[in-house]
Amino acid sequence: MLIIRCPICGDRPELEFRYGGEGHVARPAATEALDDQTVADRLYMRTNPKGLTVERWRHVHGCGRFFNAVRDTVSDFFVTTYKAGEPRPDLDALKKEAVR
């Protein structure tokens, strides 16, 4: 079973969590001024990189809070997790650290 570290509750089994989408997505304030295609792209089109990616997760069967995680999409390994609102970590530095 995959273990995910909640920044509030600590290490927990994956069944307690739900994926919340790509992390750090800027949402526009004035969507009424955008055409339909632009709104659809902002809602549904996300990056799908091979390697490290930043995601939102929610600890639904624990504290109930959202947090961010850096996960390797190749190995499904969670490199780090951090509270929502904290700055995005430098992915290049995390890649270099993982190589060591």
PDB file of N, CA and C in Angstrom:
ATOM      1  N   MET A   1       0.835  -1.181   0.000  1.00  0.00           N
ATOM      2  CA  MET A   1       0.000   0.000   0.000  1.00  0.00           C
ATOM      3  C   MET A   1       0.883   1.249   0.000  1.00  0.00           C
ATOM      4  N   LEU A   2       0.467   2.247  -0.730  1.00  0.00           N
ATOM      5  CA  LEU A   2       1.182   3.515  -0.818  1.00  0.00           C
ATOM      6  C   LEU A   2       0.915   4.328   0.444  1.00  0.00           C
ATOM      7  N   ILE A   3       1.956   4.897   1.010  1.00  0.00           N
ATOM      8  CA  ILE A   3       1.841   5.748   2.193  1.00  0.00           C
ATOM      9  C   ILE A   3       2.076   7.191   1.764  1.00  0.00           C
ATOM     10  N   ILE A   4       1.151   8.074   2.153  1.00  0.00           N
ATOM     11  CA  ILE A   4       1.245   9.506   1.828  1.00  0.00           C
ATOM     12  C   ILE A   4       1.396  10.265   3.139  1.00  0.00           C
ATOM     13  N   ARG A   5       2.307  11.233   3.146  1.00  0.00           N
ATOM     14  CA  ARG A   5       2.527  12.054   4.347  1.00  0.00           C
ATOM     15  C   ARG A   5       1.637  13.292   4.283  1.00  0.00           C
ATOM     16  N   CYS A   6       0.642  13.354   5.165  1.00  0.00           N
ATOM     17  CA  CYS A   6      -0.172  14.561   5.316  1.00  0.00           C
ATOM     18  C   CYS A   6       0.653  15.552   6.144  1.00  0.00           C
ATOM     19  N   PRO A   7       0.767  16.822   5.699  1.00  0.00           N
ATOM     20  CA  PRO A   7       1.562  17.781   6.485  1.00  0.00           C
ATOM     21  C   PRO A   7       0.974  18.072   7.861  1.00  0.00           C
ATOM     22  N   ILE A   8      -0.294  17.714   8.078  1.00  0.00           N
ATOM     23  CA  ILE A   8      -0.943  17.940   9.366  1.00  0.00           C
ATOM     24  C   ILE A   8      -0.903  16.676  10.228  1.00  0.00           C
ATOM     25  N   CYS A   9      -1.307  15.535   9.639  1.00  0.00           N
ATOM     26  CA  CYS A   9      -1.512  14.293  10.398  1.00  0.00           C
ATOM     27  C   CYS A   9      -0.346  13.308  10.353  1.00  0.00           C
ATOM     28  N   GLY A  10       0.568  13.477   9.405  1.00  0.00           N
ATOM     29  CA  GLY A  10       1.676  12.528   9.294  1.00  0.00           C
ATOM     30  C   GLY A  10       1.401  11.450   8.260  1.00  0.00           C
ATOM     31  N   ASP A  11       2.142  10.363   8.348  1.00  0.00           N
ATOM     32  CA  ASP A  11       2.037   9.268   7.372  1.00  0.00           C
ATOM     33  C   ASP A  11       0.732   8.507   7.542  1.00  0.00           C
ATOM     34  N   ARG A  12       0.038   8.330   6.401  1.00  0.00           N
ATOM     35  CA  ARG A  12      -1.246   7.627   6.385  1.00  0.00           C
ATOM     36  C   ARG A  12      -1.356   6.791   5.111  1.00  0.00           C
ATOM     37  N   PRO A  13      -2.220   5.758   5.090  1.00  0.00           N
ATOM     38  CA  PRO A  13      -2.398   4.953   3.877  1.00  0.00           C
ATOM     39  C   PRO A  13      -3.138   5.741   2.792  1.00  0.00           C
ATOM     40  N   GLU A  14      -2.849   5.405   1.548  1.00  0.00           N
ATOM     41  CA  GLU A  14      -3.405   6.130   0.407  1.00  0.00           C
ATOM     42  C   GLU A  14      -4.926   6.168   0.368  1.00  0.00           C
ATOM     43  N   LEU A  15      -5.595   5.197   0.957  1.00  0.00           N
ATOM     44  CA  LEU A  15      -7.056   5.140   0.934  1.00  0.00           C
ATOM     45  C   LEU A  15      -7.714   6.307   1.655  1.00  0.00           C
ATOM     46  N   GLU A  16      -6.962   7.010   2.492  1.00  0.00           N
ATOM     47  CA  GLU A  16      -7.497   8.155   3.221  1.00  0.00           C
ATOM     48  C   GLU A  16      -7.493   9.435   2.398  1.00  0.00           C
ATOM     49  N   PHE A  17      -6.910   9.417   1.199  1.00  0.00           N
ATOM     50  CA  PHE A  17      -6.703  10.633   0.426  1.00  0.00           C
ATOM     51  C   PHE A  17      -7.472  10.632  -0.879  1.00  0.00           C
ATOM     52  N   ARG A  18      -7.712  11.833  -1.414  1.00  0.00           N
ATOM     53  CA  ARG A  18      -8.310  12.003  -2.738  1.00  0.00           C
ATOM     54  C   ARG A  18      -7.486  13.019  -3.516  1.00  0.00           C
ATOM     55  N   TYR A  19      -7.275  12.677  -4.787  1.00  0.00           N
ATOM     56  CA  TYR A  19      -6.551  13.555  -5.705  1.00  0.00           C
ATOM     57  C   TYR A  19      -7.399  14.796  -5.965  1.00  0.00           C
ATOM     58  N   GLY A  20      -6.778  15.961  -5.982  1.00  0.00           N
ATOM     59  CA  GLY A  20      -7.499  17.223  -6.172  1.00  0.00           C
ATOM     60  C   GLY A  20      -7.094  17.984  -7.415  1.00  0.00           C
ATOM     61  N   GLY A  21      -6.321  17.369  -8.299  1.00  0.00           N
ATOM     62  CA  GLY A  21      -5.944  18.036  -9.537  1.00  0.00           C
ATOM     63  C   GLY A  21      -4.534  18.607  -9.490  1.00  0.00           C
ATOM     64  N   GLU A  22      -4.194  19.273 -10.572  1.00  0.00           N
ATOM     65  CA  GLU A  22      -2.877  19.892 -10.694  1.00  0.00           C
ATOM     66  C   GLU A  22      -2.732  21.009  -9.669  1.00  0.00           C
ATOM     67  N   GLY A  23      -1.571  21.128  -9.086  1.00  0.00           N
ATOM     68  CA  GLY A  23      -1.328  22.144  -8.069  1.00  0.00           C
ATOM     69  C   GLY A  23      -0.926  23.484  -8.643  1.00  0.00           C
ATOM     70  N   HIS A  24      -1.197  24.529  -7.891  1.00  0.00           N
ATOM     71  CA  HIS A  24      -0.799  25.894  -8.206  1.00  0.00           C
ATOM     72  C   HIS A  24      -1.367  26.377  -9.549  1.00  0.00           C
ATOM     73  N   VAL A  25      -2.631  26.056  -9.829  1.00  0.00           N
ATOM     74  CA  VAL A  25      -3.286  26.520 -11.045  1.00  0.00           C
ATOM     75  C   VAL A  25      -3.927  27.871 -10.743  1.00  0.00           C
ATOM     76  N   ALA A  26      -3.554  28.890 -11.518  1.00  0.00           N
ATOM     77  CA  ALA A  26      -4.129  30.227 -11.333  1.00  0.00           C
ATOM     78  C   ALA A  26      -5.522  30.255 -11.953  1.00  0.00           C
ATOM     79  N   ARG A  27      -6.481  30.678 -11.182  1.00  0.00           N
ATOM     80  CA  ARG A  27      -7.846  30.769 -11.673  1.00  0.00           C
ATOM     81  C   ARG A  27      -8.185  32.223 -11.965  1.00  0.00           C
ATOM     82  N   PRO A  28      -8.710  32.506 -13.175  1.00  0.00           N
ATOM     83  CA  PRO A  28      -8.989  33.900 -13.548  1.00  0.00           C
ATOM     84  C   PRO A  28     -10.161  34.473 -12.755  1.00  0.00           C
ATOM     85  N   ALA A  29     -10.117  35.777 -12.506  1.00  0.00           N
ATOM     86  CA  ALA A  29     -11.167  36.449 -11.735  1.00  0.00           C
ATOM     87  C   ALA A  29     -12.383  36.789 -12.593  1.00  0.00           C
ATOM     88  N   ALA A  30     -12.174  37.202 -13.832  1.00  0.00           N
ATOM     89  CA  ALA A  30     -13.266  37.676 -14.684  1.00  0.00           C
ATOM     90  C   ALA A  30     -13.540  36.687 -15.816  1.00  0.00           C
ATOM     91  N   THR A  31     -14.137  35.551 -15.490  1.00  0.00           N
ATOM     92  CA  THR A  31     -14.387  34.542 -16.519  1.00  0.00           C
ATOM     93  C   THR A  31     -15.485  34.949 -17.494  1.00  0.00           C
ATOM     94  N   GLU A  32     -16.349  35.893 -17.112  1.00  0.00           N
ATOM     95  CA  GLU A  32     -17.416  36.318 -18.014  1.00  0.00           C
ATOM     96  C   GLU A  32     -16.877  37.030 -19.255  1.00  0.00           C
ATOM     97  N   ALA A  33     -15.656  37.506 -19.193  1.00  0.00           N
ATOM     98  CA  ALA A  33     -15.050  38.197 -20.338  1.00  0.00           C
ATOM     99  C   ALA A  33     -14.326  37.227 -21.277  1.00  0.00           C
ATOM    100  N   LEU A  34     -14.234  35.949 -20.896  1.00  0.00           N
ATOM    101  CA  LEU A  34     -13.511  34.965 -21.701  1.00  0.00           C
ATOM    102  C   LEU A  34     -14.462  34.208 -22.623  1.00  0.00           C
ATOM    103  N   ASP A  35     -13.952  33.808 -23.791  1.00  0.00           N
ATOM    104  CA  ASP A  35     -14.782  33.004 -24.697  1.00  0.00           C
ATOM    105  C   ASP A  35     -14.860  31.564 -24.187  1.00  0.00           C
ATOM    106  N   ASP A  36     -15.797  30.794 -24.723  1.00  0.00           N
ATOM    107  CA  ASP A  36     -16.059  29.434 -24.243  1.00  0.00           C
ATOM    108  C   ASP A  36     -14.841  28.520 -24.350  1.00  0.00           C
ATOM    109  N   GLN A  37     -14.102  28.624 -25.440  1.00  0.00           N
ATOM    110  CA  GLN A  37     -12.945  27.754 -25.626  1.00  0.00           C
ATOM    111  C   GLN A  37     -11.861  28.033 -24.582  1.00  0.00           C
ATOM    112  N   THR A  38     -11.638  29.305 -24.271  1.00  0.00           N
ATOM    113  CA  THR A  38     -10.642  29.673 -23.268  1.00  0.00           C
ATOM    114  C   THR A  38     -11.049  29.152 -21.891  1.00  0.00           C
ATOM    115  N   VAL A  39     -12.330  29.270 -21.552  1.00  0.00           N
ATOM    116  CA  VAL A  39     -12.814  28.760 -20.264  1.00  0.00           C
ATOM    117  C   VAL A  39     -12.661  27.239 -20.206  1.00  0.00           C
ATOM    118  N   ALA A  40     -13.028  26.552 -21.283  1.00  0.00           N
ATOM    119  CA  ALA A  40     -12.899  25.093 -21.321  1.00  0.00           C
ATOM    120  C   ALA A  40     -11.436  24.678 -21.181  1.00  0.00           C
ATOM    121  N   ASP A  41     -10.530  25.360 -21.872  1.00  0.00           N
ATOM    122  CA  ASP A  41      -9.105  25.045 -21.755  1.00  0.00           C
ATOM    123  C   ASP A  41      -8.606  25.238 -20.328  1.00  0.00           C
ATOM    124  N   ARG A  42      -9.024  26.320 -19.676  1.00  0.00           N
ATOM    125  CA  ARG A  42      -8.583  26.581 -18.303  1.00  0.00           C
ATOM    126  C   ARG A  42      -9.148  25.557 -17.319  1.00  0.00           C
ATOM    127  N   LEU A  43     -10.356  25.056 -17.583  1.00  0.00           N
ATOM    128  CA  LEU A  43     -10.977  24.089 -16.680  1.00  0.00           C
ATOM    129  C   LEU A  43     -10.441  22.673 -16.856  1.00  0.00           C
ATOM    130  N   TYR A  44     -10.214  22.266 -18.111  1.00  0.00           N
ATOM    131  CA  TYR A  44      -9.965  20.855 -18.370  1.00  0.00           C
ATOM    132  C   TYR A  44      -8.572  20.508 -18.882  1.00  0.00           C
ATOM    133  N   MET A  45      -7.863  21.429 -19.456  1.00  0.00           N
ATOM    134  CA  MET A  45      -6.552  21.116 -20.024  1.00  0.00           C
ATOM    135  C   MET A  45      -5.472  21.308 -18.963  1.00  0.00           C
ATOM    136  N   ARG A  46      -4.792  20.244 -18.663  1.00  0.00           N
ATOM    137  CA  ARG A  46      -3.713  20.272 -17.669  1.00  0.00           C
ATOM    138  C   ARG A  46      -2.467  19.643 -18.260  1.00  0.00           C
ATOM    139  N   THR A  47      -1.351  19.962 -17.655  1.00  0.00           N
ATOM    140  CA  THR A  47      -0.111  19.335 -18.090  1.00  0.00           C
ATOM    141  C   THR A  47      -0.115  17.893 -17.599  1.00  0.00           C
ATOM    142  N   ASN A  48       0.636  17.067 -18.249  1.00  0.00           N
ATOM    143  CA  ASN A  48       0.747  15.667 -17.853  1.00  0.00           C
ATOM    144  C   ASN A  48       2.207  15.243 -18.038  1.00  0.00           C
ATOM    145  N   PRO A  49       3.095  15.821 -17.222  1.00  0.00           N
ATOM    146  CA  PRO A  49       4.518  15.563 -17.433  1.00  0.00           C
ATOM    147  C   PRO A  49       4.951  14.177 -16.969  1.00  0.00           C
ATOM    148  N   LYS A  50       6.005  13.715 -17.586  1.00  0.00           N
ATOM    149  CA  LYS A  50       6.660  12.498 -17.129  1.00  0.00           C
ATOM    150  C   LYS A  50       7.733  12.941 -16.144  1.00  0.00           C
ATOM    151  N   GLY A  51       7.633  12.484 -14.931  1.00  0.00           N
ATOM    152  CA  GLY A  51       8.589  12.896 -13.903  1.00  0.00           C
ATOM    153  C   GLY A  51       7.886  13.639 -12.774  1.00  0.00           C
ATOM    154  N   LEU A  52       8.562  14.622 -12.194  1.00  0.00           N
ATOM    155  CA  LEU A  52       8.018  15.340 -11.046  1.00  0.00           C
ATOM    156  C   LEU A  52       6.894  16.278 -11.459  1.00  0.00           C
ATOM    157  N   THR A  53       5.825  16.252 -10.695  1.00  0.00           N
ATOM    158  CA  THR A  53       4.692  17.140 -10.919  1.00  0.00           C
ATOM    159  C   THR A  53       4.135  17.579  -9.568  1.00  0.00           C
ATOM    160  N   VAL A  54       3.504  18.761  -9.555  1.00  0.00           N
ATOM    161  CA  VAL A  54       2.908  19.289  -8.329  1.00  0.00           C
ATOM    162  C   VAL A  54       1.398  19.072  -8.403  1.00  0.00           C
ATOM    163  N   GLU A  55       0.839  18.496  -7.332  1.00  0.00           N
ATOM    164  CA  GLU A  55      -0.578  18.156  -7.305  1.00  0.00           C
ATOM    165  C   GLU A  55      -1.227  18.613  -6.003  1.00  0.00           C
ATOM    166  N   ARG A  56      -2.560  18.772  -6.055  1.00  0.00           N
ATOM    167  CA  ARG A  56      -3.346  19.032  -4.846  1.00  0.00           C
ATOM    168  C   ARG A  56      -3.935  17.708  -4.376  1.00  0.00           C
ATOM    169  N   TRP A  57      -3.921  17.498  -3.084  1.00  0.00           N
ATOM    170  CA  TRP A  57      -4.514  16.313  -2.486  1.00  0.00           C
ATOM    171  C   TRP A  57      -5.338  16.744  -1.286  1.00  0.00           C
ATOM    172  N   ARG A  58      -6.301  15.911  -0.910  1.00  0.00           N
ATOM    173  CA  ARG A  58      -7.116  16.186   0.274  1.00  0.00           C
ATOM    174  C   ARG A  58      -7.128  14.957   1.170  1.00  0.00           C
ATOM    175  N   HIS A  59      -6.921  15.189   2.452  1.00  0.00           N
ATOM    176  CA  HIS A  59      -6.936  14.102   3.439  1.00  0.00           C
ATOM    177  C   HIS A  59      -8.384  13.947   3.932  1.00  0.00           C
ATOM    178  N   VAL A  60      -9.211  13.282   3.133  1.00  0.00           N
ATOM    179  CA  VAL A  60     -10.650  13.209   3.416  1.00  0.00           C
ATOM    180  C   VAL A  60     -10.988  12.399   4.658  1.00  0.00           C
ATOM    181  N   HIS A  61     -10.218  11.360   4.971  1.00  0.00           N
ATOM    182  CA  HIS A  61     -10.500  10.527   6.139  1.00  0.00           C
ATOM    183  C   HIS A  61      -9.542  10.830   7.286  1.00  0.00           C
ATOM    184  N   GLY A  62      -9.175  12.083   7.381  1.00  0.00           N
ATOM    185  CA  GLY A  62      -8.281  12.536   8.453  1.00  0.00           C
ATOM    186  C   GLY A  62      -8.678  13.958   8.809  1.00  0.00           C
ATOM    187  N   CYS A  63      -7.763  14.878   8.602  1.00  0.00           N
ATOM    188  CA  CYS A  63      -8.012  16.277   8.962  1.00  0.00           C
ATOM    189  C   CYS A  63      -8.954  16.977   7.985  1.00  0.00           C
ATOM    190  N   GLY A  64      -9.155  16.405   6.786  1.00  0.00           N
ATOM    191  CA  GLY A  64     -10.052  17.001   5.800  1.00  0.00           C
ATOM    192  C   GLY A  64      -9.461  18.167   5.029  1.00  0.00           C
ATOM    193  N   ARG A  65      -8.197  18.438   5.222  1.00  0.00           N
ATOM    194  CA  ARG A  65      -7.584  19.615   4.611  1.00  0.00           C
ATOM    195  C   ARG A  65      -6.890  19.289   3.301  1.00  0.00           C
ATOM    196  N   PHE A  66      -6.844  20.306   2.431  1.00  0.00           N
ATOM    197  CA  PHE A  66      -6.091  20.202   1.188  1.00  0.00           C
ATOM    198  C   PHE A  66      -4.624  20.497   1.462  1.00  0.00           C
ATOM    199  N   PHE A  67      -3.758  19.875   0.694  1.00  0.00           N
ATOM    200  CA  PHE A  67      -2.329  20.158   0.743  1.00  0.00           C
ATOM    201  C   PHE A  67      -1.756  19.900  -0.642  1.00  0.00           C
ATOM    202  N   ASN A  68      -0.530  20.292  -0.845  1.00  0.00           N
ATOM    203  CA  ASN A  68       0.154  20.075  -2.126  1.00  0.00           C
ATOM    204  C   ASN A  68       1.203  18.985  -1.966  1.00  0.00           C
ATOM    205  N   ALA A  69       1.464  18.305  -3.069  1.00  0.00           N
ATOM    206  CA  ALA A  69       2.457  17.232  -3.060  1.00  0.00           C
ATOM    207  C   ALA A  69       3.258  17.269  -4.351  1.00  0.00           C
ATOM    208  N   VAL A  70       4.522  16.954  -4.255  1.00  0.00           N
ATOM    209  CA  VAL A  70       5.357  16.734  -5.436  1.00  0.00           C
ATOM    210  C   VAL A  70       5.469  15.229  -5.585  1.00  0.00           C
ATOM    211  N   ARG A  71       4.999  14.722  -6.740  1.00  0.00           N
ATOM    212  CA  ARG A  71       4.968  13.282  -6.978  1.00  0.00           C
ATOM    213  C   ARG A  71       5.669  12.966  -8.290  1.00  0.00           C
ATOM    214  N   ASP A  72       6.399  11.881  -8.300  1.00  0.00           N
ATOM    215  CA  ASP A  72       7.040  11.394  -9.519  1.00  0.00           C
ATOM    216  C   ASP A  72       6.039  10.506 -10.245  1.00  0.00           C
ATOM    217  N   THR A  73       5.613  10.911 -11.442  1.00  0.00           N
ATOM    218  CA  THR A  73       4.592  10.156 -12.174  1.00  0.00           C
ATOM    219  C   THR A  73       5.129   8.844 -12.733  1.00  0.00           C
ATOM    220  N   VAL A  74       6.436   8.685 -12.792  1.00  0.00           N
ATOM    221  CA  VAL A  74       7.024   7.445 -13.291  1.00  0.00           C
ATOM    222  C   VAL A  74       6.982   6.363 -12.208  1.00  0.00           C
ATOM    223  N   SER A  75       7.423   6.702 -11.007  1.00  0.00           N
ATOM    224  CA  SER A  75       7.502   5.719  -9.921  1.00  0.00           C
ATOM    225  C   SER A  75       6.323   5.793  -8.951  1.00  0.00           C
ATOM    226  N   ASP A  76       5.496   6.836  -9.041  1.00  0.00           N
ATOM    227  CA  ASP A  76       4.380   7.102  -8.130  1.00  0.00           C
ATOM    228  C   ASP A  76       4.872   7.427  -6.724  1.00  0.00           C
ATOM    229  N   PHE A  77       6.137   7.814  -6.591  1.00  0.00           N
ATOM    230  CA  PHE A  77       6.742   8.164  -5.309  1.00  0.00           C
ATOM    231  C   PHE A  77       6.432   9.620  -4.962  1.00  0.00           C
ATOM    232  N   PHE A  78       5.967   9.861  -3.730  1.00  0.00           N
ATOM    233  CA  PHE A  78       5.725  11.217  -3.252  1.00  0.00           C
ATOM    234  C   PHE A  78       7.043  11.767  -2.716  1.00  0.00           C
ATOM    235  N   VAL A  79       7.601  12.741  -3.408  1.00  0.00           N
ATOM    236  CA  VAL A  79       8.893  13.310  -3.036  1.00  0.00           C
ATOM    237  C   VAL A  79       8.760  14.159  -1.786  1.00  0.00           C
ATOM    238  N   THR A  80       7.728  15.008  -1.752  1.00  0.00           N
ATOM    239  CA  THR A  80       7.483  15.857  -0.592  1.00  0.00           C
ATOM    240  C   THR A  80       6.029  16.298  -0.591  1.00  0.00           C
ATOM    241  N   THR A  81       5.539  16.685   0.575  1.00  0.00           N
ATOM    242  CA  THR A  81       4.223  17.291   0.707  1.00  0.00           C
ATOM    243  C   THR A  81       4.378  18.572   1.511  1.00  0.00           C
ATOM    244  N   TYR A  82       3.466  19.509   1.300  1.00  0.00           N
ATOM    245  CA  TYR A  82       3.519  20.772   2.029  1.00  0.00           C
ATOM    246  C   TYR A  82       2.128  21.382   2.087  1.00  0.00           C
ATOM    247  N   LYS A  83       1.909  22.240   3.071  1.00  0.00           N
ATOM    248  CA  LYS A  83       0.597  22.828   3.313  1.00  0.00           C
ATOM    249  C   LYS A  83       0.163  23.723   2.153  1.00  0.00           C
ATOM    250  N   ALA A  84      -1.132  23.782   1.927  1.00  0.00           N
ATOM    251  CA  ALA A  84      -1.689  24.693   0.928  1.00  0.00           C
ATOM    252  C   ALA A  84      -1.329  26.131   1.325  1.00  0.00           C
ATOM    253  N   GLY A  85      -0.979  26.928   0.347  1.00  0.00           N
ATOM    254  CA  GLY A  85      -0.585  28.307   0.610  1.00  0.00           C
ATOM    255  C   GLY A  85       0.915  28.503   0.719  1.00  0.00           C
ATOM    256  N   GLU A  86       1.649  27.424   0.947  1.00  0.00           N
ATOM    257  CA  GLU A  86       3.109  27.525   0.972  1.00  0.00           C
ATOM    258  C   GLU A  86       3.626  27.577  -0.460  1.00  0.00           C
ATOM    259  N   PRO A  87       4.786  28.195  -0.668  1.00  0.00           N
ATOM    260  CA  PRO A  87       5.312  28.319  -2.035  1.00  0.00           C
ATOM    261  C   PRO A  87       5.692  26.971  -2.643  1.00  0.00           C
ATOM    262  N   ARG A  88       5.599  26.940  -3.951  1.00  0.00           N
ATOM    263  CA  ARG A  88       5.952  25.741  -4.719  1.00  0.00           C
ATOM    264  C   ARG A  88       7.458  25.491  -4.604  1.00  0.00           C
ATOM    265  N   PRO A  89       7.877  24.267  -4.317  1.00  0.00           N
ATOM    266  CA  PRO A  89       9.312  23.985  -4.233  1.00  0.00           C
ATOM    267  C   PRO A  89       9.961  23.990  -5.613  1.00  0.00           C
ATOM    268  N   ASP A  90      11.259  24.146  -5.626  1.00  0.00           N
ATOM    269  CA  ASP A  90      12.026  24.135  -6.870  1.00  0.00           C
ATOM    270  C   ASP A  90      12.162  22.692  -7.353  1.00  0.00           C
ATOM    271  N   LEU A  91      11.464  22.357  -8.446  1.00  0.00           N
ATOM    272  CA  LEU A  91      11.475  20.979  -8.943  1.00  0.00           C
ATOM    273  C   LEU A  91      12.847  20.566  -9.455  1.00  0.00           C
ATOM    274  N   ASP A  92      13.597  21.498 -10.039  1.00  0.00           N
ATOM    275  CA  ASP A  92      14.939  21.174 -10.515  1.00  0.00           C
ATOM    276  C   ASP A  92      15.849  20.772  -9.360  1.00  0.00           C
ATOM    277  N   ALA A  93      15.754  21.473  -8.245  1.00  0.00           N
ATOM    278  CA  ALA A  93      16.569  21.138  -7.063  1.00  0.00           C
ATOM    279  C   ALA A  93      16.157  19.768  -6.511  1.00  0.00           C
ATOM    280  N   LEU A  94      14.856  19.486  -6.514  1.00  0.00           N
ATOM    281  CA  LEU A  94      14.397  18.173  -6.030  1.00  0.00           C
ATOM    282  C   LEU A  94      14.877  17.050  -6.930  1.00  0.00           C
ATOM    283  N   LYS A  95      14.926  17.291  -8.251  1.00  0.00           N
ATOM    284  CA  LYS A  95      15.428  16.278  -9.191  1.00  0.00           C
ATOM    285  C   LYS A  95      16.886  15.989  -8.929  1.00  0.00           C
ATOM    286  N   LYS A  96      17.683  17.056  -8.735  1.00  0.00           N
ATOM    287  CA  LYS A  96      19.119  16.883  -8.470  1.00  0.00           C
ATOM    288  C   LYS A  96      19.335  16.139  -7.157  1.00  0.00           C
ATOM    289  N   GLU A  97      18.521  16.442  -6.158  1.00  0.00           N
ATOM    290  CA  GLU A  97      18.641  15.786  -4.868  1.00  0.00           C
ATOM    291  C   GLU A  97      18.299  14.310  -4.962  1.00  0.00           C
ATOM    292  N   ALA A  98      17.322  13.973  -5.796  1.00  0.00           N
ATOM    293  CA  ALA A  98      16.894  12.578  -5.959  1.00  0.00           C
ATOM    294  C   ALA A  98      17.948  11.732  -6.641  1.00  0.00           C
ATOM    295  N   VAL A  99      18.790  12.359  -7.483  1.00  0.00           N
ATOM    296  CA  VAL A  99      19.824  11.632  -8.212  1.00  0.00           C
ATOM    297  C   VAL A  99      20.915  11.158  -7.267  1.00  0.00           C
ATOM    298  N   ARG A 100      21.150  11.887  -6.196  1.00  0.00           N
ATOM    299  CA  ARG A 100      22.227  11.534  -5.242  1.00  0.00           C
ATOM    300  C   ARG A 100      21.979  10.266  -4.516  1.00  0.00           C
TER     301      ARG A 100
END
